[in-house]
Amino acid sequence: MFTNLLLFILCLMAGNRSPANGNEAGCQYYYSKLLKKNIYTTLEIEPEFPGGSAAYVRFLNKNLRISVDTLVDVTSLPMPKMKFIVETYGQIIAPCIDGKNDTTQLNALEKDALEFIKKMPKWVPGMCGGKVVAAEVNRPLAICIKWETE
């Protein structure tokens, strides 16, 4: 219950944007009233998983655990869109799936994706105008399942 409430609050923090978007050194951002800071959506240097894309794929293959409930109905589930903020020190905060603020609304695959985000290590933060900034990351979670028969 506490975890669901905490995730709900964090998703609200990520989605609480002021109406005015800014542009600084060619980077787009919005001001989050709850986080009390600018959150960048386009940057000169995007946040990166430590070790790059290949390391991200290895981490995904090793750490994404799909529940049996998901496997039964995986072909009819939509591809989850993961969203989170990489803080200036690399920590991942405010994880959300498909913009859903209420974790009770998540289907089995979305719950698995949320658990995957929670397992991620600190990222290399993004940069704008030569300074490290907090940035929003949006990633689809495409899953290819290899069925093996004995």
C-alpha atoms as a PDB file:
ATOM      1  CA  MET A   1       0.000   0.000   0.000  1.00  0.00           C
ATOM      2  CA  PHE A   2       2.775   2.431   0.967  1.00  0.00           C
ATOM      3  CA  THR A   3       4.698   1.590  -2.221  1.00  0.00           C
ATOM      4  CA  ASN A   4       1.626   2.255  -4.381  1.00  0.00           C
ATOM      5  CA  LEU A   5       1.042   5.575  -2.625  1.00  0.00           C
ATOM      6  CA  LEU A   6       4.691   6.566  -3.020  1.00  0.00           C
ATOM      7  CA  LEU A   7       4.659   5.672  -6.728  1.00  0.00           C
ATOM      8  CA  PHE A   8       1.431   7.612  -7.170  1.00  0.00           C
ATOM      9  CA  ILE A   9       3.020  10.693  -5.581  1.00  0.00           C
ATOM     10  CA  LEU A  10       6.174  10.340  -7.674  1.00  0.00           C
ATOM     11  CA  CYS A  11       4.144  10.014 -10.870  1.00  0.00           C
ATOM     12  CA  LEU A  12       2.251  13.144  -9.911  1.00  0.00           C
ATOM     13  CA  MET A  13       5.539  14.926  -9.367  1.00  0.00           C
ATOM     14  CA  ALA A  14       6.711  13.956 -12.822  1.00  0.00           C
ATOM     15  CA  GLY A  15       3.489  15.015 -14.453  1.00  0.00           C
ATOM     16  CA  ASN A  16       2.982  18.296 -12.597  1.00  0.00           C
ATOM     17  CA  ARG A  17       4.194  20.730 -15.206  1.00  0.00           C
ATOM     18  CA  SER A  18       3.701  24.450 -15.246  1.00  0.00           C
ATOM     19  CA  PRO A  19       2.060  25.657 -18.448  1.00  0.00           C
ATOM     20  CA  ALA A  20       5.112  27.519 -19.706  1.00  0.00           C
ATOM     21  CA  ASN A  21       7.894  25.517 -21.298  1.00  0.00           C
ATOM     22  CA  GLY A  22      11.315  27.065 -21.488  1.00  0.00           C
ATOM     23  CA  ASN A  23      14.187  27.013 -23.902  1.00  0.00           C
ATOM     24  CA  GLU A  24      17.728  27.352 -22.642  1.00  0.00           C
ATOM     25  CA  ALA A  25      20.769  26.861 -24.889  1.00  0.00           C
ATOM     26  CA  GLY A  26      18.536  25.020 -27.366  1.00  0.00           C
ATOM     27  CA  CYS A  27      17.213  22.680 -24.678  1.00  0.00           C
ATOM     28  CA  GLN A  28      13.498  22.382 -23.890  1.00  0.00           C
ATOM     29  CA  TYR A  29      12.312  22.114 -20.298  1.00  0.00           C
ATOM     30  CA  TYR A  30       9.304  22.526 -18.052  1.00  0.00           C
ATOM     31  CA  TYR A  31       9.173  23.618 -14.436  1.00  0.00           C
ATOM     32  CA  SER A  32       7.961  20.988 -11.975  1.00  0.00           C
ATOM     33  CA  LYS A  33       6.245  22.697  -9.042  1.00  0.00           C
ATOM     34  CA  LEU A  34       6.548  19.607  -6.861  1.00  0.00           C
ATOM     35  CA  LEU A  35      10.232  18.998  -7.612  1.00  0.00           C
ATOM     36  CA  LYS A  36      10.846  22.775  -7.604  1.00  0.00           C
ATOM     37  CA  LYS A  37      13.174  22.605 -10.570  1.00  0.00           C
ATOM     38  CA  ASN A  38      13.369  22.567 -14.333  1.00  0.00           C
ATOM     39  CA  ILE A  39      13.028  19.152 -15.938  1.00  0.00           C
ATOM     40  CA  TYR A  40      14.570  18.998 -19.400  1.00  0.00           C
ATOM     41  CA  THR A  41      12.927  17.124 -22.254  1.00  0.00           C
ATOM     42  CA  THR A  42      15.448  17.849 -25.038  1.00  0.00           C
ATOM     43  CA  LEU A  43      19.125  18.264 -24.286  1.00  0.00           C
ATOM     44  CA  GLU A  44      22.495  18.683 -25.923  1.00  0.00           C
ATOM     45  CA  ILE A  45      23.636  15.428 -24.311  1.00  0.00           C
ATOM     46  CA  GLU A  46      20.882  12.970 -23.362  1.00  0.00           C
ATOM     47  CA  PRO A  47      21.037  10.906 -20.149  1.00  0.00           C
ATOM     48  CA  GLU A  48      22.677   7.552 -20.760  1.00  0.00           C
ATOM     49  CA  PHE A  49      22.553   4.160 -19.135  1.00  0.00           C
ATOM     50  CA  PRO A  50      26.017   3.450 -17.666  1.00  0.00           C
ATOM     51  CA  GLY A  51      28.010   1.671 -20.361  1.00  0.00           C
ATOM     52  CA  GLY A  52      25.729   2.799 -23.200  1.00  0.00           C
ATOM     53  CA  SER A  53      23.036   1.105 -25.246  1.00  0.00           C
ATOM     54  CA  ALA A  54      24.667  -2.327 -25.309  1.00  0.00           C
ATOM     55  CA  ALA A  55      24.907  -2.338 -21.505  1.00  0.00           C
ATOM     56  CA  TYR A  56      21.244  -1.279 -21.309  1.00  0.00           C
ATOM     57  CA  VAL A  57      20.174  -4.218 -23.486  1.00  0.00           C
ATOM     58  CA  ARG A  58      22.248  -6.634 -21.367  1.00  0.00           C
ATOM     59  CA  PHE A  59      20.688  -5.187 -18.205  1.00  0.00           C
ATOM     60  CA  LEU A  60      17.225  -5.507 -19.752  1.00  0.00           C
ATOM     61  CA  ASN A  61      17.795  -9.143 -20.732  1.00  0.00           C
ATOM     62  CA  LYS A  62      19.144 -10.009 -17.295  1.00  0.00           C
ATOM     63  CA  ASN A  63      16.718  -8.057 -15.096  1.00  0.00           C
ATOM     64  CA  LEU A  64      13.342  -7.857 -16.811  1.00  0.00           C
ATOM     65  CA  ARG A  65      11.264 -10.578 -15.247  1.00  0.00           C
ATOM     66  CA  ILE A  66       7.941 -11.230 -16.882  1.00  0.00           C
ATOM     67  CA  SER A  67       5.316 -12.808 -14.684  1.00  0.00           C
ATOM     68  CA  VAL A  68       3.353 -15.886 -15.719  1.00  0.00           C
ATOM     69  CA  ASP A  69       0.201 -13.723 -15.881  1.00  0.00           C
ATOM     70  CA  THR A  70       1.890 -11.590 -18.517  1.00  0.00           C
ATOM     71  CA  LEU A  71       3.086 -14.525 -20.607  1.00  0.00           C
ATOM     72  CA  VAL A  72      -0.406 -15.947 -20.868  1.00  0.00           C
ATOM     73  CA  ASP A  73      -1.751 -12.780 -22.506  1.00  0.00           C
ATOM     74  CA  VAL A  74       1.381 -11.040 -23.852  1.00  0.00           C
ATOM     75  CA  THR A  75       0.211 -10.840 -27.466  1.00  0.00           C
ATOM     76  CA  SER A  76      -2.815  -8.708 -26.588  1.00  0.00           C
ATOM     77  CA  LEU A  77      -1.005  -6.292 -24.260  1.00  0.00           C
ATOM     78  CA  PRO A  78       0.177  -2.937 -25.626  1.00  0.00           C
ATOM     79  CA  MET A  79       3.871  -2.038 -25.520  1.00  0.00           C
ATOM     80  CA  PRO A  80       4.437  -0.126 -22.257  1.00  0.00           C
ATOM     81  CA  LYS A  81       5.985   3.324 -22.465  1.00  0.00           C
ATOM     82  CA  MET A  82       8.339   3.898 -19.555  1.00  0.00           C
ATOM     83  CA  LYS A  83       8.906   7.441 -18.292  1.00  0.00           C
ATOM     84  CA  PHE A  84      11.236   8.552 -15.535  1.00  0.00           C
ATOM     85  CA  ILE A  85      13.467  11.444 -14.557  1.00  0.00           C
ATOM     86  CA  VAL A  86      17.242  11.147 -14.317  1.00  0.00           C
ATOM     87  CA  GLU A  87      18.361  13.534 -11.576  1.00  0.00           C
ATOM     88  CA  THR A  88      21.540  15.619 -11.801  1.00  0.00           C
ATOM     89  CA  TYR A  89      23.366  12.963  -9.755  1.00  0.00           C
ATOM     90  CA  GLY A  90      22.049  10.099 -11.937  1.00  0.00           C
ATOM     91  CA  GLN A  91      19.354   8.738  -9.630  1.00  0.00           C
ATOM     92  CA  ILE A  92      16.103   7.668 -11.284  1.00  0.00           C
ATOM     93  CA  ILE A  93      13.017   9.292  -9.784  1.00  0.00           C
ATOM     94  CA  ALA A  94       9.310   9.504 -10.603  1.00  0.00           C
ATOM     95  CA  PRO A  95       8.954   6.290 -12.640  1.00  0.00           C
ATOM     96  CA  CYS A  96       5.672   6.004 -14.545  1.00  0.00           C
ATOM     97  CA  ILE A  97       4.243   3.662 -17.139  1.00  0.00           C
ATOM     98  CA  ASP A  98       2.042   5.088 -19.901  1.00  0.00           C
ATOM     99  CA  GLY A  99       1.421   8.189 -17.782  1.00  0.00           C
ATOM    100  CA  LYS A 100      -0.683   6.213 -15.306  1.00  0.00           C
ATOM    101  CA  ASN A 101      -0.514   7.782 -11.862  1.00  0.00           C
ATOM    102  CA  ASP A 102      -2.440   4.999 -10.147  1.00  0.00           C
ATOM    103  CA  THR A 103      -0.440   1.775 -10.031  1.00  0.00           C
ATOM    104  CA  THR A 104      -3.644  -0.218  -9.537  1.00  0.00           C
ATOM    105  CA  GLN A 105      -4.478   0.646 -13.174  1.00  0.00           C
ATOM    106  CA  LEU A 106      -1.365  -1.107 -14.501  1.00  0.00           C
ATOM    107  CA  ASN A 107      -1.695  -4.405 -16.342  1.00  0.00           C
ATOM    108  CA  ALA A 108       0.730  -7.263 -15.637  1.00  0.00           C
ATOM    109  CA  LEU A 109       3.281  -6.218 -18.279  1.00  0.00           C
ATOM    110  CA  GLU A 110       3.226  -2.594 -17.081  1.00  0.00           C
ATOM    111  CA  LYS A 111       3.828  -3.761 -13.501  1.00  0.00           C
ATOM    112  CA  ASP A 112       6.810  -5.807 -14.700  1.00  0.00           C
ATOM    113  CA  ALA A 113       8.138  -2.741 -16.557  1.00  0.00           C
ATOM    114  CA  LEU A 114       7.796  -0.602 -13.418  1.00  0.00           C
ATOM    115  CA  GLU A 115       9.728  -3.181 -11.396  1.00  0.00           C
ATOM    116  CA  PHE A 116      12.407  -3.155 -14.101  1.00  0.00           C
ATOM    117  CA  ILE A 117      12.808   0.634 -13.792  1.00  0.00           C
ATOM    118  CA  LYS A 118      13.227   0.300 -10.017  1.00  0.00           C
ATOM    119  CA  LYS A 119      16.151  -2.106 -10.539  1.00  0.00           C
ATOM    120  CA  MET A 120      18.110   0.284 -12.780  1.00  0.00           C
ATOM    121  CA  PRO A 121      21.398   1.699 -11.523  1.00  0.00           C
ATOM    122  CA  LYS A 122      22.218   5.397 -11.586  1.00  0.00           C
ATOM    123  CA  TRP A 123      22.457   6.822 -15.111  1.00  0.00           C
ATOM    124  CA  VAL A 124      24.938   9.291 -16.541  1.00  0.00           C
ATOM    125  CA  PRO A 125      22.897  12.520 -16.328  1.00  0.00           C
ATOM    126  CA  GLY A 126      22.091  14.739 -19.305  1.00  0.00           C
ATOM    127  CA  MET A 127      23.684  18.092 -20.054  1.00  0.00           C
ATOM    128  CA  CYS A 128      22.513  21.411 -21.410  1.00  0.00           C
ATOM    129  CA  GLY A 129      24.651  24.507 -21.877  1.00  0.00           C
ATOM    130  CA  GLY A 130      27.623  22.696 -20.367  1.00  0.00           C
ATOM    131  CA  LYS A 131      25.860  21.941 -17.069  1.00  0.00           C
ATOM    132  CA  VAL A 132      24.345  18.759 -15.694  1.00  0.00           C
ATOM    133  CA  VAL A 133      20.530  18.922 -15.575  1.00  0.00           C
ATOM    134  CA  ALA A 134      17.587  16.765 -14.508  1.00  0.00           C
ATOM    135  CA  ALA A 135      15.995  15.185 -17.574  1.00  0.00           C
ATOM    136  CA  GLU A 136      12.873  13.266 -18.486  1.00  0.00           C
ATOM    137  CA  VAL A 137      13.503   9.958 -20.241  1.00  0.00           C
ATOM    138  CA  ASN A 138      10.830   8.208 -22.301  1.00  0.00           C
ATOM    139  CA  ARG A 139      11.459   4.658 -23.497  1.00  0.00           C
ATOM    140  CA  PRO A 140       9.146   2.083 -25.014  1.00  0.00           C
ATOM    141  CA  LEU A 141       9.582  -1.435 -23.706  1.00  0.00           C
ATOM    142  CA  ALA A 142       9.513  -3.717 -26.731  1.00  0.00           C
ATOM    143  CA  ILE A 143       9.587  -7.382 -25.808  1.00  0.00           C
ATOM    144  CA  CYS A 144      10.392 -10.282 -28.087  1.00  0.00           C
ATOM    145  CA  ILE A 145       9.580 -13.617 -26.536  1.00  0.00           C
ATOM    146  CA  LYS A 146      11.328 -16.711 -27.779  1.00  0.00           C
ATOM    147  CA  TRP A 147       9.125 -19.713 -27.167  1.00  0.00           C
ATOM    148  CA  GLU A 148      11.088 -22.890 -26.651  1.00  0.00           C
ATOM    149  CA  THR A 149       9.613 -26.328 -26.985  1.00  0.00           C
ATOM    150  CA  GLU A 150      11.208 -29.465 -25.700  1.00  0.00           C
END
